[in-house]
N, C-alpha and C. Protein backbone atom coordinates (compact mmCIF):
# COMPACT_ATOMS: atom_id res chain seq x y z
N MET A 1 -84.49 -44.15 69.48
CA MET A 1 -84.69 -44.24 70.84
C MET A 1 -84.08 -43.25 71.75
N ILE A 2 -82.80 -43.11 71.45
CA ILE A 2 -82.04 -42.08 72.12
C ILE A 2 -82.37 -40.75 71.98
N TYR A 3 -83.04 -40.36 70.69
CA TYR A 3 -83.32 -39.09 70.30
C TYR A 3 -84.59 -38.66 71.16
N ILE A 4 -85.48 -39.72 71.39
CA ILE A 4 -86.71 -39.54 72.30
C ILE A 4 -86.35 -39.14 73.68
N PHE A 5 -85.27 -39.92 74.15
CA PHE A 5 -84.75 -39.63 75.46
C PHE A 5 -84.11 -38.20 75.53
N LEU A 6 -83.40 -37.87 74.67
CA LEU A 6 -82.64 -36.49 74.65
C LEU A 6 -83.85 -35.46 74.49
N ILE A 7 -84.77 -35.53 73.70
CA ILE A 7 -85.85 -34.60 73.66
C ILE A 7 -86.55 -34.60 75.02
N ALA A 8 -86.87 -35.61 75.69
CA ALA A 8 -87.57 -35.64 76.80
C ALA A 8 -86.64 -34.96 78.01
N LEU A 9 -85.30 -35.17 77.86
CA LEU A 9 -84.34 -34.60 78.82
C LEU A 9 -84.39 -33.13 78.58
N LEU A 10 -84.25 -32.62 77.49
CA LEU A 10 -84.24 -31.23 77.12
C LEU A 10 -85.56 -30.59 77.56
N LEU A 11 -86.70 -31.10 77.34
CA LEU A 11 -87.97 -30.47 77.76
C LEU A 11 -88.08 -30.54 79.15
N SER A 12 -87.52 -31.49 79.95
CA SER A 12 -87.25 -31.56 81.28
C SER A 12 -86.62 -30.39 81.89
N ILE A 13 -85.41 -30.20 81.24
CA ILE A 13 -84.48 -29.20 81.82
C ILE A 13 -85.24 -27.69 81.58
N ILE A 14 -85.76 -27.53 80.31
CA ILE A 14 -86.47 -26.14 80.11
C ILE A 14 -87.58 -26.05 81.16
N LEU A 15 -88.37 -27.00 81.35
CA LEU A 15 -89.56 -26.93 82.34
C LEU A 15 -88.99 -26.60 83.73
N ASN A 16 -87.79 -27.29 84.08
CA ASN A 16 -87.20 -27.00 85.47
C ASN A 16 -86.79 -25.60 85.54
N ILE A 17 -86.14 -25.10 84.43
CA ILE A 17 -85.62 -23.78 84.53
C ILE A 17 -86.78 -22.73 84.68
N PHE A 18 -87.84 -23.09 83.95
CA PHE A 18 -89.04 -22.24 84.06
C PHE A 18 -89.60 -22.21 85.59
N LEU A 19 -89.84 -23.45 86.13
CA LEU A 19 -90.18 -23.63 87.36
C LEU A 19 -89.48 -22.87 88.41
N VAL A 20 -88.14 -23.11 88.39
CA VAL A 20 -87.26 -22.44 89.32
C VAL A 20 -87.34 -20.85 89.18
N PHE A 21 -87.38 -20.36 88.03
CA PHE A 21 -87.54 -18.93 87.88
C PHE A 21 -88.84 -18.49 88.55
N TYR A 22 -89.97 -19.04 88.29
CA TYR A 22 -91.12 -18.60 88.97
C TYR A 22 -91.20 -19.03 90.42
N CYS A 23 -90.61 -19.89 90.96
CA CYS A 23 -90.65 -20.19 92.33
C CYS A 23 -89.70 -19.07 93.12
N LEU A 24 -88.57 -18.63 92.44
CA LEU A 24 -87.84 -17.60 93.08
C LEU A 24 -88.44 -16.29 93.01
N LYS A 25 -89.31 -16.01 91.97
CA LYS A 25 -90.08 -14.78 91.87
C LYS A 25 -91.02 -14.88 92.90
N PHE A 26 -91.75 -15.86 93.13
CA PHE A 26 -92.80 -15.90 94.09
C PHE A 26 -92.24 -15.88 95.49
N ALA A 27 -91.09 -16.47 95.75
CA ALA A 27 -90.45 -16.32 97.21
C ALA A 27 -89.98 -14.93 97.33
N ARG A 28 -89.57 -14.17 96.32
CA ARG A 28 -89.16 -12.78 96.54
C ARG A 28 -90.35 -12.01 96.83
N LEU A 29 -91.45 -12.31 96.25
CA LEU A 29 -92.69 -11.43 96.45
C LEU A 29 -93.29 -11.74 97.95
N LEU A 30 -93.09 -12.97 98.43
CA LEU A 30 -93.65 -13.28 99.81
C LEU A 30 -92.61 -12.59 100.79
N LEU A 31 -91.21 -12.54 100.59
CA LEU A 31 -90.48 -11.83 101.47
C LEU A 31 -90.68 -10.39 101.48
N ASN A 32 -91.05 -9.80 100.30
CA ASN A 32 -91.34 -8.43 100.42
C ASN A 32 -92.63 -8.07 101.02
N ALA A 33 -93.52 -9.11 100.92
CA ALA A 33 -94.82 -8.80 101.52
C ALA A 33 -94.74 -9.06 103.21
N GLN A 34 -93.64 -9.83 103.60
CA GLN A 34 -93.45 -10.19 104.93
C GLN A 34 -92.92 -8.88 105.53
N ASP A 35 -91.85 -8.22 104.84
CA ASP A 35 -91.23 -6.98 105.23
C ASP A 35 -92.28 -5.93 105.42
N SER A 36 -93.25 -5.74 104.38
CA SER A 36 -94.10 -4.83 104.63
C SER A 36 -95.12 -4.93 105.74
N ILE A 37 -95.47 -6.13 106.02
CA ILE A 37 -96.45 -6.51 107.12
C ILE A 37 -95.70 -6.19 108.42
N GLU A 38 -94.42 -6.43 108.53
CA GLU A 38 -93.75 -6.19 109.85
C GLU A 38 -93.64 -4.68 109.98
N GLU A 39 -93.28 -3.94 108.98
CA GLU A 39 -93.39 -2.52 109.05
C GLU A 39 -94.56 -2.03 109.44
N CYS A 40 -95.76 -2.51 108.92
CA CYS A 40 -97.08 -2.09 109.25
C CYS A 40 -97.38 -2.40 110.77
N LEU A 41 -96.94 -3.46 111.20
CA LEU A 41 -97.14 -3.88 112.62
C LEU A 41 -96.43 -2.95 113.59
N GLU A 42 -95.31 -2.47 113.19
CA GLU A 42 -94.49 -1.60 114.06
C GLU A 42 -95.26 -0.15 114.05
N VAL A 43 -95.87 0.18 112.86
CA VAL A 43 -96.47 1.40 112.82
C VAL A 43 -97.74 1.40 113.74
N LEU A 44 -98.56 0.29 113.48
CA LEU A 44 -99.77 0.17 114.17
C LEU A 44 -99.38 0.09 115.95
N GLU A 45 -98.41 -0.57 116.17
CA GLU A 45 -98.02 -0.65 117.55
C GLU A 45 -97.72 0.89 118.21
N THR A 46 -97.06 1.68 117.31
CA THR A 46 -96.67 3.02 117.72
C THR A 46 -97.84 3.84 117.84
N ARG A 47 -98.84 3.79 116.88
CA ARG A 47 -100.07 4.49 116.98
C ARG A 47 -100.97 3.95 118.17
N ARG A 48 -100.90 2.79 118.46
CA ARG A 48 -101.69 2.29 119.63
C ARG A 48 -101.17 2.72 120.82
N ALA A 49 -99.88 2.80 121.11
CA ALA A 49 -99.16 3.38 122.18
C ALA A 49 -99.54 4.88 122.32
N SER A 50 -99.62 5.57 121.28
CA SER A 50 -99.69 7.03 121.20
C SER A 50 -101.21 7.21 121.72
N ILE A 51 -102.14 6.43 121.18
CA ILE A 51 -103.60 6.62 121.50
C ILE A 51 -103.73 6.30 123.05
N SER A 52 -103.11 5.30 123.53
CA SER A 52 -103.12 4.96 124.97
C SER A 52 -102.75 6.02 125.86
N LYS A 53 -101.53 6.73 125.42
CA LYS A 53 -101.16 7.79 126.18
C LYS A 53 -102.33 8.93 126.30
N VAL A 54 -102.89 9.27 125.22
CA VAL A 54 -103.95 10.15 124.99
C VAL A 54 -105.26 9.92 125.93
N LEU A 55 -105.57 8.51 125.86
CA LEU A 55 -106.69 8.06 126.65
C LEU A 55 -106.48 8.01 128.17
N GLU A 56 -105.11 8.00 128.54
CA GLU A 56 -104.86 8.07 129.94
C GLU A 56 -105.14 9.49 130.62
N ILE A 57 -105.18 10.45 129.80
CA ILE A 57 -105.38 11.88 130.27
C ILE A 57 -106.85 11.99 130.64
N PRO A 58 -107.10 12.55 131.87
CA PRO A 58 -108.51 12.60 132.33
C PRO A 58 -109.22 13.90 131.54
N LEU A 59 -110.46 13.76 131.23
CA LEU A 59 -111.29 14.65 130.64
C LEU A 59 -111.86 15.68 131.64
N PHE A 60 -111.41 17.10 131.29
CA PHE A 60 -111.98 18.13 132.16
C PHE A 60 -113.15 18.82 131.70
N PHE A 61 -113.62 18.50 130.34
CA PHE A 61 -114.83 19.14 129.86
C PHE A 61 -115.88 18.02 129.51
N ASP A 62 -117.08 18.14 129.97
CA ASP A 62 -118.02 17.20 130.05
C ASP A 62 -118.82 17.25 128.84
N SER A 63 -118.46 17.64 127.76
CA SER A 63 -119.29 17.83 126.54
C SER A 63 -119.53 16.52 125.93
N PRO A 64 -120.83 16.22 125.39
CA PRO A 64 -121.00 15.07 124.71
C PRO A 64 -120.06 14.71 123.52
N GLU A 65 -119.77 15.77 122.81
CA GLU A 65 -118.94 15.64 121.65
C GLU A 65 -117.53 15.17 122.11
N ILE A 66 -116.99 15.78 123.07
CA ILE A 66 -115.70 15.25 123.55
C ILE A 66 -115.76 13.92 123.97
N ARG A 67 -116.78 13.57 124.77
CA ARG A 67 -116.99 12.12 125.22
C ARG A 67 -117.03 11.10 124.12
N ARG A 68 -117.75 11.55 122.95
CA ARG A 68 -117.90 10.75 121.73
C ARG A 68 -116.41 10.61 121.12
N VAL A 69 -115.72 11.70 121.05
CA VAL A 69 -114.36 11.61 120.40
C VAL A 69 -113.49 10.66 121.33
N HIS A 70 -113.62 10.78 122.54
CA HIS A 70 -112.91 9.83 123.47
C HIS A 70 -113.22 8.47 123.25
N ASP A 71 -114.53 8.27 123.21
CA ASP A 71 -115.02 6.82 122.97
C ASP A 71 -114.43 6.32 121.58
N ASP A 72 -114.51 7.19 120.64
CA ASP A 72 -113.96 6.84 119.38
C ASP A 72 -112.53 6.46 119.24
N LEU A 73 -111.77 7.14 120.05
CA LEU A 73 -110.29 7.00 120.15
C LEU A 73 -110.15 5.62 120.83
N ARG A 74 -110.88 5.42 121.81
CA ARG A 74 -110.76 4.13 122.48
C ARG A 74 -111.14 2.95 121.55
N ALA A 75 -112.21 3.14 120.83
CA ALA A 75 -112.59 2.05 119.87
C ALA A 75 -111.61 1.91 118.82
N SER A 76 -111.03 3.02 118.37
CA SER A 76 -109.86 2.95 117.35
C SER A 76 -108.58 2.25 117.88
N LYS A 77 -108.38 2.44 119.10
CA LYS A 77 -107.19 1.79 119.75
C LYS A 77 -107.39 0.24 119.62
N GLU A 78 -108.65 -0.10 120.08
CA GLU A 78 -108.93 -1.57 119.99
C GLU A 78 -108.94 -2.07 118.70
N ALA A 79 -109.51 -1.33 117.71
CA ALA A 79 -109.43 -1.75 116.36
C ALA A 79 -107.99 -1.94 115.91
N ILE A 80 -107.14 -1.11 116.18
CA ILE A 80 -105.70 -1.15 115.77
C ILE A 80 -104.98 -2.45 116.42
N PHE A 81 -105.32 -2.66 117.71
CA PHE A 81 -104.79 -3.87 118.36
C PHE A 81 -105.34 -5.06 117.79
N GLN A 82 -106.71 -5.11 117.45
CA GLN A 82 -107.15 -6.23 116.87
C GLN A 82 -106.67 -6.57 115.39
N VAL A 83 -106.38 -5.47 114.57
CA VAL A 83 -105.80 -5.69 113.33
C VAL A 83 -104.36 -6.18 113.44
N ALA A 84 -103.51 -5.65 114.29
CA ALA A 84 -102.21 -6.05 114.65
C ALA A 84 -102.22 -7.46 115.01
N ARG A 85 -102.97 -7.87 116.03
CA ARG A 85 -103.06 -9.21 116.43
C ARG A 85 -103.50 -10.24 115.20
N SER A 86 -104.44 -9.88 114.54
CA SER A 86 -104.83 -10.68 113.32
C SER A 86 -103.68 -10.92 112.48
N ILE A 87 -102.94 -9.90 112.04
CA ILE A 87 -101.77 -10.03 111.16
C ILE A 87 -100.73 -10.81 111.72
N SER A 88 -100.45 -10.63 112.97
CA SER A 88 -99.35 -11.37 113.60
C SER A 88 -99.75 -12.89 113.75
N ASN A 89 -101.08 -13.20 113.87
CA ASN A 89 -101.39 -14.59 113.92
C ASN A 89 -101.13 -15.27 112.63
N ILE A 90 -101.47 -14.58 111.45
CA ILE A 90 -101.37 -15.10 110.21
C ILE A 90 -99.79 -15.25 109.96
N VAL A 91 -99.13 -14.40 110.33
CA VAL A 91 -97.63 -14.61 110.28
C VAL A 91 -96.97 -15.56 111.02
N GLU A 92 -97.36 -15.85 112.17
CA GLU A 92 -97.20 -16.91 113.12
C GLU A 92 -97.51 -18.35 112.57
N GLU A 93 -98.76 -18.30 112.02
CA GLU A 93 -99.22 -19.52 111.49
C GLU A 93 -98.34 -20.06 110.27
N GLU A 94 -98.00 -19.01 109.34
CA GLU A 94 -97.12 -19.25 108.33
C GLU A 94 -95.72 -19.57 108.72
N ILE A 95 -95.17 -19.10 109.80
CA ILE A 95 -93.94 -19.67 110.30
C ILE A 95 -93.95 -21.02 110.86
N GLU A 96 -95.05 -21.39 111.44
CA GLU A 96 -95.11 -22.71 112.17
C GLU A 96 -95.41 -23.64 111.02
N GLY A 97 -96.16 -23.38 109.94
CA GLY A 97 -96.38 -24.00 108.76
C GLY A 97 -95.04 -24.42 108.11
N ASP A 98 -94.29 -23.48 108.04
CA ASP A 98 -92.82 -23.72 107.41
C ASP A 98 -91.86 -24.59 108.30
N ASP A 99 -92.14 -24.63 109.54
CA ASP A 99 -91.34 -25.32 110.45
C ASP A 99 -91.62 -26.90 110.26
N ARG A 100 -92.75 -27.14 109.93
CA ARG A 100 -93.27 -28.59 109.86
C ARG A 100 -92.58 -29.34 108.84
């Protein structure tokens, strides 16, 4: 009877070591992903600010090509803002989920 208990205890310890190892590995992966996302958000914010400065400059040439490039820049700025907002919402939801 005691041998069955010892075998079960040993298997439980081995399983727990295995689970702790993979939990720590996954946690490290999540922390690295969070750091990468934060760096990307900083780059996106810098690019958005740079594009905003360019868009504030008035156009002196009325060419359709220049207008199209100007409109593309404006659309790109909005896309960058939308991606950054989406990523930050995901991060905020994860943080709120962890607080519960």
